[in-house]
Amino acid sequence: MKNYVAIASRPVFNNAATVIYAVEYSIDGAVLVGDVYGDTRKTPRFSRIRYNVQGDAYFMHYGRREYLLDYV
C-alpha cells in the first residue's frame, strides 16, 4: 500500500481513528479517507464532499455523515 501522510484525523475510540489523507479541489470536490486501527490501516478511498442546508461540508463514510468540522 502507498505510504500516505495524514492531514487530518478524528478519533473513533481508544486506538482507532478516521483519517483524511488528501483533499481534491475541483467542481466535484472529494476527500481521500481511510481508517487506522493501531498499526493496521484500511485501504483509503475517495468520498465526494457534499453540503447540507446550512452549508456545512460533509462526506459519507460507511453510510454515515462525517462533517469536515469534526476533523483536527
PDB file of N, CA and C in Angstrom:
ATOM      1  N   MET A   1       0.840  -1.178   0.000  1.00  0.00           N
ATOM      2  CA  MET A   1       0.000   0.000   0.000  1.00  0.00           C
ATOM      3  C   MET A   1       0.885   1.242   0.000  1.00  0.00           C
ATOM      4  N   LYS A   2       0.432   2.257  -0.693  1.00  0.00           N
ATOM      5  CA  LYS A   2       1.165   3.507  -0.769  1.00  0.00           C
ATOM      6  C   LYS A   2       1.285   4.121   0.627  1.00  0.00           C
ATOM      7  N   ASN A   3       2.374   4.797   0.888  1.00  0.00           N
ATOM      8  CA  ASN A   3       2.611   5.378   2.206  1.00  0.00           C
ATOM      9  C   ASN A   3       1.990   6.782   2.255  1.00  0.00           C
ATOM     10  N   TYR A   4       0.746   6.879   2.696  1.00  0.00           N
ATOM     11  CA  TYR A   4       0.032   8.145   2.759  1.00  0.00           C
ATOM     12  C   TYR A   4       0.372   8.884   4.050  1.00  0.00           C
ATOM     13  N   VAL A   5       0.321  10.211   3.994  1.00  0.00           N
ATOM     14  CA  VAL A   5       0.543  11.052   5.165  1.00  0.00           C
ATOM     15  C   VAL A   5      -0.780  11.703   5.523  1.00  0.00           C
ATOM     16  N   ALA A   6      -1.186  11.564   6.772  1.00  0.00           N
ATOM     17  CA  ALA A   6      -2.469  12.106   7.222  1.00  0.00           C
ATOM     18  C   ALA A   6      -2.400  13.625   7.346  1.00  0.00           C
ATOM     19  N   ILE A   7      -3.469  14.316   6.895  1.00  0.00           N
ATOM     20  CA  ILE A   7      -3.546  15.769   7.066  1.00  0.00           C
ATOM     21  C   ILE A   7      -4.579  16.144   8.124  1.00  0.00           C
ATOM     22  N   ALA A   8      -5.492  15.245   8.443  1.00  0.00           N
ATOM     23  CA  ALA A   8      -6.495  15.482   9.492  1.00  0.00           C
ATOM     24  C   ALA A   8      -7.003  14.137   9.987  1.00  0.00           C
ATOM     25  N   SER A   9      -7.462  14.120  11.241  1.00  0.00           N
ATOM     26  CA  SER A   9      -7.985  12.872  11.789  1.00  0.00           C
ATOM     27  C   SER A   9      -9.068  13.155  12.809  1.00  0.00           C
ATOM     28  N   ARG A  10      -9.853  12.123  13.078  1.00  0.00           N
ATOM     29  CA  ARG A  10     -10.904  12.183  14.091  1.00  0.00           C
ATOM     30  C   ARG A  10     -10.874  10.864  14.843  1.00  0.00           C
ATOM     31  N   PRO A  11     -10.623  10.897  16.160  1.00  0.00           N
ATOM     32  CA  PRO A  11     -10.575   9.639  16.912  1.00  0.00           C
ATOM     33  C   PRO A  11     -11.945   8.973  16.975  1.00  0.00           C
ATOM     34  N   VAL A  12     -11.943   7.653  16.869  1.00  0.00           N
ATOM     35  CA  VAL A  12     -13.175   6.878  16.963  1.00  0.00           C
ATOM     36  C   VAL A  12     -13.271   6.258  18.354  1.00  0.00           C
ATOM     37  N   PHE A  13     -12.225   5.602  18.789  1.00  0.00           N
ATOM     38  CA  PHE A  13     -12.127   5.078  20.153  1.00  0.00           C
ATOM     39  C   PHE A  13     -10.657   4.917  20.498  1.00  0.00           C
ATOM     40  N   ASN A  14     -10.344   4.227  21.546  1.00  0.00           N
ATOM     41  CA  ASN A  14      -9.032   4.115  22.158  1.00  0.00           C
ATOM     42  C   ASN A  14      -7.846   4.234  21.190  1.00  0.00           C
ATOM     43  N   ASN A  15      -7.696   3.327  20.251  1.00  0.00           N
ATOM     44  CA  ASN A  15      -6.546   3.357  19.349  1.00  0.00           C
ATOM     45  C   ASN A  15      -6.962   3.348  17.880  1.00  0.00           C
ATOM     46  N   ALA A  16      -8.118   3.882  17.573  1.00  0.00           N
ATOM     47  CA  ALA A  16      -8.597   3.913  16.193  1.00  0.00           C
ATOM     48  C   ALA A  16      -8.995   5.331  15.811  1.00  0.00           C
ATOM     49  N   ALA A  17      -8.872   5.630  14.525  1.00  0.00           N
ATOM     50  CA  ALA A  17      -9.226   6.963  14.035  1.00  0.00           C
ATOM     51  C   ALA A  17      -9.636   6.879  12.574  1.00  0.00           C
ATOM     52  N   THR A  18     -10.442   7.839  12.156  1.00  0.00           N
ATOM     53  CA  THR A  18     -10.749   8.048  10.748  1.00  0.00           C
ATOM     54  C   THR A  18      -9.828   9.167  10.279  1.00  0.00           C
ATOM     55  N   VAL A  19      -9.129   8.949   9.179  1.00  0.00           N
ATOM     56  CA  VAL A  19      -8.065   9.845   8.752  1.00  0.00           C
ATOM     57  C   VAL A  19      -8.321  10.360   7.343  1.00  0.00           C
ATOM     58  N   ILE A  20      -8.091  11.662   7.138  1.00  0.00           N
ATOM     59  CA  ILE A  20      -8.145  12.264   5.801  1.00  0.00           C
ATOM     60  C   ILE A  20      -6.716  12.396   5.311  1.00  0.00           C
ATOM     61  N   TYR A  21      -6.449  11.812   4.134  1.00  0.00           N
ATOM     62  CA  TYR A  21      -5.109  11.836   3.566  1.00  0.00           C
ATOM     63  C   TYR A  21      -4.935  12.921   2.518  1.00  0.00           C
ATOM     64  N   ALA A  22      -6.000  13.284   1.819  1.00  0.00           N
ATOM     65  CA  ALA A  22      -5.888  14.289   0.765  1.00  0.00           C
ATOM     66  C   ALA A  22      -7.252  14.908   0.503  1.00  0.00           C
ATOM     67  N   VAL A  23      -7.221  16.122  -0.011  1.00  0.00           N
ATOM     68  CA  VAL A  23      -8.444  16.806  -0.431  1.00  0.00           C
ATOM     69  C   VAL A  23      -8.266  17.175  -1.891  1.00  0.00           C
ATOM     70  N   GLU A  24      -9.231  16.791  -2.709  1.00  0.00           N
ATOM     71  CA  GLU A  24      -9.193  17.088  -4.138  1.00  0.00           C
ATOM     72  C   GLU A  24     -10.073  18.301  -4.393  1.00  0.00           C
ATOM     73  N   TYR A  25      -9.451  19.385  -4.843  1.00  0.00           N
ATOM     74  CA  TYR A  25     -10.181  20.622  -5.107  1.00  0.00           C
ATOM     75  C   TYR A  25     -10.572  20.660  -6.582  1.00  0.00           C
ATOM     76  N   SER A  26     -11.866  20.543  -6.847  1.00  0.00           N
ATOM     77  CA  SER A  26     -12.390  20.608  -8.211  1.00  0.00           C
ATOM     78  C   SER A  26     -13.867  20.950  -8.112  1.00  0.00           C
ATOM     79  N   ILE A  27     -14.562  20.906  -9.225  1.00  0.00           N
ATOM     80  CA  ILE A  27     -16.002  21.170  -9.201  1.00  0.00           C
ATOM     81  C   ILE A  27     -16.691  20.151  -8.306  1.00  0.00           C
ATOM     82  N   ASP A  28     -16.333  18.878  -8.453  1.00  0.00           N
ATOM     83  CA  ASP A  28     -16.835  17.831  -7.560  1.00  0.00           C
ATOM     84  C   ASP A  28     -15.725  17.487  -6.578  1.00  0.00           C
ATOM     85  N   GLY A  29     -15.626  18.240  -5.480  1.00  0.00           N
ATOM     86  CA  GLY A  29     -14.568  18.028  -4.501  1.00  0.00           C
ATOM     87  C   GLY A  29     -14.666  16.659  -3.877  1.00  0.00           C
ATOM     88  N   ALA A  30     -13.532  16.135  -3.424  1.00  0.00           N
ATOM     89  CA  ALA A  30     -13.503  14.812  -2.802  1.00  0.00           C
ATOM     90  C   ALA A  30     -12.400  14.778  -1.752  1.00  0.00           C
ATOM     91  N   VAL A  31     -12.537  13.846  -0.818  1.00  0.00           N
ATOM     92  CA  VAL A  31     -11.504  13.605   0.178  1.00  0.00           C
ATOM     93  C   VAL A  31     -11.060  12.150   0.077  1.00  0.00           C
ATOM     94  N   LEU A  32      -9.789  11.913   0.304  1.00  0.00           N
ATOM     95  CA  LEU A  32      -9.250  10.560   0.366  1.00  0.00           C
ATOM     96  C   LEU A  32      -9.231  10.185   1.836  1.00  0.00           C
ATOM     97  N   VAL A  33     -10.068   9.239   2.217  1.00  0.00           N
ATOM     98  CA  VAL A  33     -10.270   8.930   3.632  1.00  0.00           C
ATOM     99  C   VAL A  33     -10.069   7.439   3.888  1.00  0.00           C
ATOM    100  N   GLY A  34      -9.533   7.127   5.066  1.00  0.00           N
ATOM    101  CA  GLY A  34      -9.326   5.739   5.457  1.00  0.00           C
ATOM    102  C   GLY A  34      -9.405   5.602   6.962  1.00  0.00           C
ATOM    103  N   ASP A  35      -9.360   4.377   7.440  1.00  0.00           N
ATOM    104  CA  ASP A  35      -9.419   4.089   8.867  1.00  0.00           C
ATOM    105  C   ASP A  35      -8.077   3.543   9.330  1.00  0.00           C
ATOM    106  N   VAL A  36      -7.720   3.885  10.564  1.00  0.00           N
ATOM    107  CA  VAL A  36      -6.489   3.391  11.178  1.00  0.00           C
ATOM    108  C   VAL A  36      -6.872   2.713  12.485  1.00  0.00           C
ATOM    109  N   TYR A  37      -6.466   1.457  12.634  1.00  0.00           N
ATOM    110  CA  TYR A  37      -6.693   0.686  13.854  1.00  0.00           C
ATOM    111  C   TYR A  37      -5.340   0.285  14.425  1.00  0.00           C
ATOM    112  N   GLY A  38      -4.786   1.095  15.325  1.00  0.00           N
ATOM    113  CA  GLY A  38      -3.452   0.809  15.855  1.00  0.00           C
ATOM    114  C   GLY A  38      -2.436   0.861  14.732  1.00  0.00           C
ATOM    115  N   ASP A  39      -1.795  -0.272  14.427  1.00  0.00           N
ATOM    116  CA  ASP A  39      -0.819  -0.332  13.340  1.00  0.00           C
ATOM    117  C   ASP A  39      -1.442  -0.737  12.010  1.00  0.00           C
ATOM    118  N   THR A  40      -2.711  -1.108  12.015  1.00  0.00           N
ATOM    119  CA  THR A  40      -3.391  -1.571  10.807  1.00  0.00           C
ATOM    120  C   THR A  40      -4.112  -0.415  10.129  1.00  0.00           C
ATOM    121  N   ARG A  41      -3.898  -0.284   8.809  1.00  0.00           N
ATOM    122  CA  ARG A  41      -4.583   0.759   8.043  1.00  0.00           C
ATOM    123  C   ARG A  41      -5.452   0.123   6.977  1.00  0.00           C
ATOM    124  N   LYS A  42      -6.696   0.572   6.888  1.00  0.00           N
ATOM    125  CA  LYS A  42      -7.582   0.119   5.822  1.00  0.00           C
ATOM    126  C   LYS A  42      -7.239   0.905   4.557  1.00  0.00           C
ATOM    127  N   THR A  43      -7.485   0.331   3.400  1.00  0.00           N
ATOM    128  CA  THR A  43      -7.205   0.985   2.137  1.00  0.00           C
ATOM    129  C   THR A  43      -8.059   2.253   2.000  1.00  0.00           C
ATOM    130  N   PRO A  44      -7.435   3.406   1.791  1.00  0.00           N
ATOM    131  CA  PRO A  44      -8.207   4.648   1.669  1.00  0.00           C
ATOM    132  C   PRO A  44      -8.979   4.701   0.356  1.00  0.00           C
ATOM    133  N   ARG A  45     -10.063   5.468   0.368  1.00  0.00           N
ATOM    134  CA  ARG A  45     -10.874   5.626  -0.837  1.00  0.00           C
ATOM    135  C   ARG A  45     -11.409   7.054  -0.897  1.00  0.00           C
ATOM    136  N   PHE A  46     -11.761   7.483  -2.101  1.00  0.00           N
ATOM    137  CA  PHE A  46     -12.282   8.834  -2.292  1.00  0.00           C
ATOM    138  C   PHE A  46     -13.768   8.879  -1.960  1.00  0.00           C
ATOM    139  N   SER A  47     -14.179   9.954  -1.284  1.00  0.00           N
ATOM    140  CA  SER A  47     -15.585  10.219  -0.989  1.00  0.00           C
ATOM    141  C   SER A  47     -15.888  11.651  -1.418  1.00  0.00           C
ATOM    142  N   ARG A  48     -17.000  11.830  -2.084  1.00  0.00           N
ATOM    143  CA  ARG A  48     -17.382  13.149  -2.580  1.00  0.00           C
ATOM    144  C   ARG A  48     -17.774  14.077  -1.431  1.00  0.00           C
ATOM    145  N   ILE A  49     -17.355  15.335  -1.503  1.00  0.00           N
ATOM    146  CA  ILE A  49     -17.742  16.326  -0.499  1.00  0.00           C
ATOM    147  C   ILE A  49     -19.126  16.843  -0.865  1.00  0.00           C
ATOM    148  N   ARG A  50     -20.015  16.859   0.120  1.00  0.00           N
ATOM    149  CA  ARG A  50     -21.387  17.327  -0.063  1.00  0.00           C
ATOM    150  C   ARG A  50     -21.655  18.430   0.952  1.00  0.00           C
ATOM    151  N   TYR A  51     -22.774  19.126   0.794  1.00  0.00           N
ATOM    152  CA  TYR A  51     -23.128  20.223   1.685  1.00  0.00           C
ATOM    153  C   TYR A  51     -24.567  20.068   2.145  1.00  0.00           C
ATOM    154  N   ASN A  52     -24.813  20.341   3.440  1.00  0.00           N
ATOM    155  CA  ASN A  52     -26.178  20.275   3.936  1.00  0.00           C
ATOM    156  C   ASN A  52     -26.858  21.634   3.758  1.00  0.00           C
ATOM    157  N   VAL A  53     -28.073  21.784   4.257  1.00  0.00           N
ATOM    158  CA  VAL A  53     -28.856  23.002   4.071  1.00  0.00           C
ATOM    159  C   VAL A  53     -28.162  24.215   4.692  1.00  0.00           C
ATOM    160  N   GLN A  54     -27.480  24.023   5.821  1.00  0.00           N
ATOM    161  CA  GLN A  54     -26.780  25.122   6.484  1.00  0.00           C
ATOM    162  C   GLN A  54     -25.446  25.463   5.811  1.00  0.00           C
ATOM    163  N   GLY A  55     -25.015  24.665   4.856  1.00  0.00           N
ATOM    164  CA  GLY A  55     -23.773  24.911   4.138  1.00  0.00           C
ATOM    165  C   GLY A  55     -22.561  24.215   4.735  1.00  0.00           C
ATOM    166  N   ASP A  56     -22.765  23.323   5.705  1.00  0.00           N
ATOM    167  CA  ASP A  56     -21.655  22.587   6.310  1.00  0.00           C
ATOM    168  C   ASP A  56     -21.204  21.458   5.385  1.00  0.00           C
ATOM    169  N   ALA A  57     -19.893  21.344   5.194  1.00  0.00           N
ATOM    170  CA  ALA A  57     -19.336  20.312   4.313  1.00  0.00           C
ATOM    171  C   ALA A  57     -19.256  18.972   5.049  1.00  0.00           C
ATOM    172  N   TYR A  58     -19.619  17.895   4.342  1.00  0.00           N
ATOM    173  CA  TYR A  58     -19.527  16.550   4.896  1.00  0.00           C
ATOM    174  C   TYR A  58     -19.239  15.563   3.782  1.00  0.00           C
ATOM    175  N   PHE A  59     -18.869  14.343   4.161  1.00  0.00           N
ATOM    176  CA  PHE A  59     -18.727  13.247   3.217  1.00  0.00           C
ATOM    177  C   PHE A  59     -19.328  12.011   3.851  1.00  0.00           C
ATOM    178  N   MET A  60     -19.675  11.039   3.040  1.00  0.00           N
ATOM    179  CA  MET A  60     -20.263   9.799   3.524  1.00  0.00           C
ATOM    180  C   MET A  60     -19.144   8.782   3.766  1.00  0.00           C
ATOM    181  N   HIS A  61     -19.168   8.170   4.954  1.00  0.00           N
ATOM    182  CA  HIS A  61     -18.169   7.177   5.322  1.00  0.00           C
ATOM    183  C   HIS A  61     -18.887   6.036   6.022  1.00  0.00           C
ATOM    184  N   TYR A  62     -18.930   4.879   5.391  1.00  0.00           N
ATOM    185  CA  TYR A  62     -19.662   3.714   5.900  1.00  0.00           C
ATOM    186  C   TYR A  62     -21.123   4.048   6.185  1.00  0.00           C
ATOM    187  N   GLY A  63     -21.743   4.810   5.301  1.00  0.00           N
ATOM    188  CA  GLY A  63     -23.170   5.087   5.396  1.00  0.00           C
ATOM    189  C   GLY A  63     -23.556   6.168   6.387  1.00  0.00           C
ATOM    190  N   ARG A  64     -22.595   6.867   6.951  1.00  0.00           N
ATOM    191  CA  ARG A  64     -22.945   7.944   7.877  1.00  0.00           C
ATOM    192  C   ARG A  64     -22.239   9.229   7.457  1.00  0.00           C
ATOM    193  N   ARG A  65     -22.807  10.353   7.866  1.00  0.00           N
ATOM    194  CA  ARG A  65     -22.241  11.642   7.534  1.00  0.00           C
ATOM    195  C   ARG A  65     -21.059  11.962   8.464  1.00  0.00           C
ATOM    196  N   GLU A  66     -19.970  12.326   7.870  1.00  0.00           N
ATOM    197  CA  GLU A  66     -18.777  12.763   8.612  1.00  0.00           C
ATOM    198  C   GLU A  66     -18.536  14.219   8.230  1.00  0.00           C
ATOM    199  N   TYR A  67     -18.735  15.119   9.167  1.00  0.00           N
ATOM    200  CA  TYR A  67     -18.564  16.541   8.891  1.00  0.00           C
ATOM    201  C   TYR A  67     -17.099  16.918   8.980  1.00  0.00           C
ATOM    202  N   LEU A  68     -16.648  17.739   8.021  1.00  0.00           N
ATOM    203  CA  LEU A  68     -15.250  18.152   7.997  1.00  0.00           C
ATOM    204  C   LEU A  68     -14.890  19.000   9.212  1.00  0.00           C
ATOM    205  N   LEU A  69     -15.866  19.658   9.810  1.00  0.00           N
ATOM    206  CA  LEU A  69     -15.610  20.468  11.002  1.00  0.00           C
ATOM    207  C   LEU A  69     -15.148  19.621  12.196  1.00  0.00           C
ATOM    208  N   ASP A  70     -15.449  18.337  12.198  1.00  0.00           N
ATOM    209  CA  ASP A  70     -15.097  17.452  13.307  1.00  0.00           C
ATOM    210  C   ASP A  70     -13.644  16.970  13.247  1.00  0.00           C
ATOM    211  N   TYR A  71     -12.959  17.240  12.145  1.00  0.00           N
ATOM    212  CA  TYR A  71     -11.597  16.750  11.965  1.00  0.00           C
ATOM    213  C   TYR A  71     -10.586  17.805  12.367  1.00  0.00           C
ATOM    214  N   VAL A  72      -9.533  17.346  13.036  1.00  0.00           N
ATOM    215  CA  VAL A  72      -8.474  18.255  13.505  1.00  0.00           C
ATOM    216  C   VAL A  72      -7.232  18.033  12.669  1.00  0.00           C
TER     217      VAL A  72
END
